[in-house]
Structure formats: C-alpha cells, structure tokens
Protein backbone atom coordinates (compact mmCIF):
# COMPACT_ATOMS: atom_id res chain seq x y z
CA MET A 1 -11.03 48.20 -43.25
CA LEU A 2 -10.44 45.86 -40.32
CA LEU A 3 -7.57 46.84 -38.06
CA ILE A 4 -5.61 44.29 -36.03
CA ALA A 5 -3.85 45.31 -32.83
CA THR A 6 -0.07 45.08 -32.88
CA ASN A 7 2.22 43.23 -30.46
CA THR A 8 -0.43 40.56 -29.87
CA THR A 9 -0.18 36.78 -29.93
CA TYR A 10 -2.96 35.24 -32.00
CA GLN A 11 -4.46 31.77 -32.12
CA ILE A 12 -4.16 30.46 -35.65
CA ASN A 13 -5.41 27.46 -37.63
CA ASP A 14 -5.62 24.23 -35.52
CA ASP A 15 -5.16 26.17 -32.26
CA ILE A 16 -8.64 27.65 -32.73
CA ARG A 17 -11.03 25.26 -30.93
CA ASP A 18 -14.20 27.35 -30.51
CA ARG A 19 -17.48 25.66 -31.44
CA GLU A 20 -18.25 28.40 -33.95
CA VAL A 21 -16.70 31.64 -35.17
CA ARG A 22 -17.67 34.68 -37.17
CA LEU A 23 -15.55 34.48 -40.33
CA ILE A 24 -14.15 37.39 -42.31
CA GLY A 25 -12.51 36.82 -45.69
CA GLU A 26 -9.09 38.06 -46.76
CA ASP A 27 -10.67 41.08 -48.47
CA GLY A 28 -12.83 41.99 -45.48
CA GLU A 29 -16.04 40.34 -46.69
CA GLN A 30 -18.36 38.85 -44.05
CA LEU A 31 -18.60 35.08 -44.56
CA GLY A 32 -21.03 34.44 -41.71
CA ILE A 33 -20.94 32.21 -38.64
CA LEU A 34 -19.29 28.84 -39.21
CA SER A 35 -17.88 26.03 -37.12
CA SER A 36 -14.15 26.28 -36.47
CA ALA A 37 -13.58 23.25 -38.67
CA ASP A 38 -15.48 24.75 -41.61
CA ALA A 39 -13.73 28.10 -41.15
CA LEU A 40 -10.33 26.40 -41.18
CA LYS A 41 -11.34 24.36 -44.23
CA THR A 42 -12.28 27.60 -46.05
CA ALA A 43 -8.89 29.13 -45.18
CA VAL A 44 -7.01 26.00 -46.33
CA GLU A 45 -8.93 25.96 -49.64
CA ARG A 46 -7.71 29.50 -50.22
CA ARG A 47 -4.16 28.49 -49.19
CA LEU A 48 -4.22 30.98 -46.34
CA ASP A 49 -4.36 30.96 -42.53
CA LEU A 50 -7.26 31.25 -40.11
CA VAL A 51 -6.44 33.85 -37.44
CA LYS A 52 -8.56 34.64 -34.37
CA ILE A 53 -8.48 38.45 -34.20
CA SER A 54 -11.22 39.15 -31.66
CA PRO A 55 -11.37 36.38 -29.03
CA GLN A 56 -13.67 38.35 -26.67
CA ALA A 57 -16.47 38.66 -29.23
CA ASN A 58 -19.45 36.31 -29.14
CA PRO A 59 -18.83 34.31 -31.24
CA PRO A 60 -15.08 35.00 -31.64
CA VAL A 61 -14.09 36.73 -34.87
CA CYS A 62 -11.60 35.01 -37.18
CA LYS A 63 -10.03 36.35 -40.35
CA ILE A 64 -8.54 34.56 -43.32
CA MET A 65 -5.11 35.96 -44.14
CA ASP A 66 -1.51 35.18 -45.01
CA TYR A 67 -0.29 35.28 -41.41
CA GLY A 68 3.40 34.99 -42.29
CA LYS A 69 3.14 37.95 -44.67
CA TYR A 70 1.17 39.95 -42.07
CA LYS A 71 3.83 39.35 -39.39
CA PHE A 72 6.61 40.31 -41.80
CA GLU A 73 4.91 43.55 -42.83
CA GLN A 74 4.01 44.37 -39.22
CA GLY A 75 7.65 43.87 -38.23
CA LYS A 76 8.73 46.32 -40.93
CA ARG A 77 6.15 48.89 -39.79
CA ASP A 78 7.23 48.54 -36.15
CA LYS A 79 10.88 48.93 -37.12
CA GLU A 80 10.11 52.07 -39.15
CA ALA A 81 8.06 53.50 -36.28
CA ARG A 82 10.93 52.91 -33.84
CA ARG A 83 13.38 54.52 -36.25
CA ASN A 84 11.24 57.65 -36.51
CA GLN A 85 10.41 57.80 -32.82
CA HIS A 86 12.02 60.56 -30.80
CA ILE A 87 12.85 59.43 -27.28
CA VAL A 88 12.10 62.33 -24.96
CA GLU A 89 14.80 62.86 -22.37
CA ILE A 90 14.73 65.12 -19.34
CA LYS A 91 17.67 67.52 -19.38
CA GLU A 92 18.58 69.69 -16.42
CA VAL A 93 19.91 73.21 -16.06
CA ARG A 94 21.08 74.31 -12.62
CA LEU A 95 21.10 77.91 -11.40
CA SER A 96 22.18 79.62 -8.20
CA PRO A 97 20.18 82.45 -6.55
CA GLY A 98 23.07 84.88 -7.10
CA ILE A 99 23.77 83.96 -10.73
CA GLY A 100 25.03 86.85 -12.87
CA ALA A 101 23.36 88.03 -16.06
CA HIS A 102 26.14 86.59 -18.27
CA ASP A 103 25.98 83.12 -16.69
CA PHE A 104 22.18 83.22 -16.74
CA GLY A 105 22.38 83.87 -20.50
CA TRP A 106 24.61 80.81 -20.99
CA LYS A 107 22.28 78.60 -18.97
CA LEU A 108 19.29 79.97 -20.88
CA ASP A 109 20.95 79.15 -24.22
CA ASP A 110 21.61 75.59 -23.03
CA GLY A 111 18.01 75.21 -21.92
CA LYS A 112 16.62 76.51 -25.20
CA ARG A 113 18.85 74.15 -27.15
CA PHE A 114 17.53 71.15 -25.18
CA LEU A 115 13.93 72.25 -25.73
CA GLN A 116 14.49 72.80 -29.46
CA GLN A 117 15.80 69.23 -29.67
CA GLY A 118 12.45 68.04 -28.30
CA ASP A 119 13.57 67.19 -24.76
CA ARG A 120 11.83 68.15 -21.52
CA LEU A 121 13.76 70.52 -19.32
CA LYS A 122 14.17 70.59 -15.56
CA VAL A 123 15.42 73.94 -14.27
CA THR A 124 16.73 73.82 -10.71
CA VAL A 125 17.85 76.53 -8.30
CA VAL A 126 20.16 75.21 -5.57
CA PHE A 127 20.17 77.11 -2.27
CA ARG A 128 23.20 77.09 0.00
CA GLY A 129 23.48 78.25 3.61
CA ARG A 130 21.62 81.49 4.30
CA GLU A 131 20.18 81.56 0.77
CA MET A 132 17.37 79.36 2.15
CA ALA A 133 15.94 82.49 3.77
CA HIS A 134 15.34 84.00 0.33
CA THR A 135 13.69 81.22 -1.67
CA ASN A 136 11.51 83.87 -3.36
CA ILE A 137 14.63 84.93 -5.32
CA GLY A 138 14.88 81.40 -6.72
CA GLU A 139 11.21 81.36 -7.66
CA ASP A 140 11.55 84.71 -9.46
CA LEU A 141 14.60 83.35 -11.27
CA LEU A 142 12.71 80.27 -12.49
CA LYS A 143 9.75 82.37 -13.63
CA LYS A 144 12.13 84.64 -15.53
CA PHE A 145 13.70 81.58 -17.19
CA ALA A 146 10.25 80.27 -18.19
CA GLY A 147 9.31 83.68 -19.57
CA GLU A 148 12.42 83.74 -21.76
CA CYS A 149 11.44 80.30 -23.15
CA ASP A 150 7.76 81.12 -23.62
CA GLU A 151 7.86 80.97 -27.44
CA ILE A 152 9.26 77.44 -27.53
CA ALA A 153 8.08 75.86 -24.26
CA THR A 154 5.24 75.52 -21.80
CA VAL A 155 5.50 75.11 -18.04
CA ASP A 156 4.65 71.52 -17.07
CA LYS A 157 5.23 71.92 -13.35
CA ASN A 158 5.48 75.24 -11.56
CA PRO A 159 8.43 75.96 -9.24
CA LYS A 160 8.38 73.67 -6.22
CA LEU A 161 10.76 73.66 -3.25
CA GLU A 162 12.12 70.29 -2.12
CA GLY A 163 14.80 70.51 0.53
CA ARG A 164 17.44 72.94 -0.72
CA ARG A 165 16.34 72.70 -4.34
CA MET A 166 13.54 74.46 -6.18
CA SER A 167 12.66 72.92 -9.55
CA MET A 168 10.41 73.67 -12.50
CA PHE A 169 9.69 71.54 -15.59
CA LEU A 170 9.28 72.82 -19.15
CA SER A 171 8.08 70.94 -22.24
CA PRO A 172 8.78 71.92 -25.85
CA ARG A 173 5.99 73.26 -28.01
CA ILE A 174 7.68 72.73 -31.38
CA ASN A 175 6.81 70.39 -34.22
CA LYS A 176 8.70 67.25 -35.28
CA SER A 177 10.42 68.86 -38.27
CA ASP A 178 11.87 71.54 -35.97
CA VAL A 179 13.10 68.82 -33.60
CA LYS A 180 14.85 66.95 -36.43
CA ALA A 181 16.48 70.15 -37.70
CA ALA A 182 17.69 71.03 -34.20
CA LYS A 183 19.07 67.51 -33.67
CA ALA A 184 20.89 67.59 -37.01
CA LYS A 185 22.37 71.01 -36.22
CA SER A 186 23.50 69.87 -32.78
CA GLN A 187 25.14 66.72 -34.20
CA ALA A 188 26.87 68.74 -36.92
CA GLU A 189 28.27 71.17 -34.35
CA ALA A 190 29.48 68.29 -32.16
CA ALA A 191 31.17 66.42 -35.03
CA PRO A 192 34.96 66.82 -35.30
CA LYS A 193 35.87 69.21 -38.10
CA PRO A 194 38.36 68.03 -40.74
CA GLU A 195 41.78 69.61 -40.51
CA GLU A 196 42.39 72.30 -43.04
CA THR A 197 44.97 71.42 -45.66
CA PRO A 198 47.74 73.97 -46.00
CA GLU A 199 47.68 75.76 -49.32
CA ALA A 200 50.39 74.79 -51.78
CA LYS A 201 53.02 77.38 -52.11
C-alpha cells in the first residue's frame, strides 16, 4: 500500500511538466515510465487525476487518484486525529521549605490529579530570606514528592536551583484510557450540581 504524506501541497494534472514520470495506477499497480502527457492522458481516460506524490524521485513518481476525494477523506482523518489528541500542559505545584504535612498532602493530591489527567508537572520550592542557606531541605522535599508519585510518574528533570527557586519536572506514565477517565472525572466534579428539589409534603 502506498502512503502519501499529509499536509503537503501536490502538483496535479497540467501542473506536472516533467519530461517523464513513473506512473502508479489507482489500485497501486505499476504502470511503468511514461511521458507526463501520456500519464495525464491515462488519468483522464480513467476520469481521475494525476498527482505527483514523490517529486524527489528519479523520475518523479505520479499516482492516478480521485484527488478531491483524497483531500476530503484526509481532512476528515485530520479532524478526527485533532479531536482525539490530548494537548499536554505543564501544571505547577509550589511548595515552601517549611511546609507542614497537611499542606504537603494537599499539594501532593493536586499534583497527582494533574498527572492522572496526562499533564506534565513542575514542582517548585520557593526559598525566602535565610531559607537560601538550607536549599538541601528543598531538594529533599522535591525528592519526597517524586517518591510519592512514583507509581504514576517519572522524573523528567531532577531538582535544579535557579535563583530562589528549585524546580523538578514529572511526566505521567499512564495510558490514554486512564487519562480520559481522569479528565471526565475532573470535569464531572467541576460541573455545577443541580439544586435538589424539596420533597412534597
């Protein structure tokens, strides 16, 4: 089966001016090397188009096809692919070196939710004042966070200090069906709930 690259502009019919081309029929059969005029004549006789699909070849390769139908079907495939594509975002969770266990748990839950939705996660520890003297505390905190997420994420970039911020990047290691389920759950939780109707007395 001959594959044609997408998002490409092709020369078709009278625009093809090469002295000779290698011609492929609509069903993939090899029709040999013909002049451009004879190749176009063959396509016209079959009420189809002549499309140059491999201009760099020697001689260039042309295929007989219904170009309008091909473009229509390709457009549908591209639209479907875009609809199913998950756009990866980078979410961020910020911590402080002196964060308490309770607040750390909240931040961890947020981070896990982002990862389960298929997004990358940036975890940042912000140092203030004299905290800069104890950046090792921030690094330990980030490593602890990564360890808690080990089942659902991998470390993309290890903790790195830039100015007063130390950041680490995590990427999800879950499959697409899990991502869709997590997205659906998140949207359902965010949707406004209908008001309960009072029971009739």
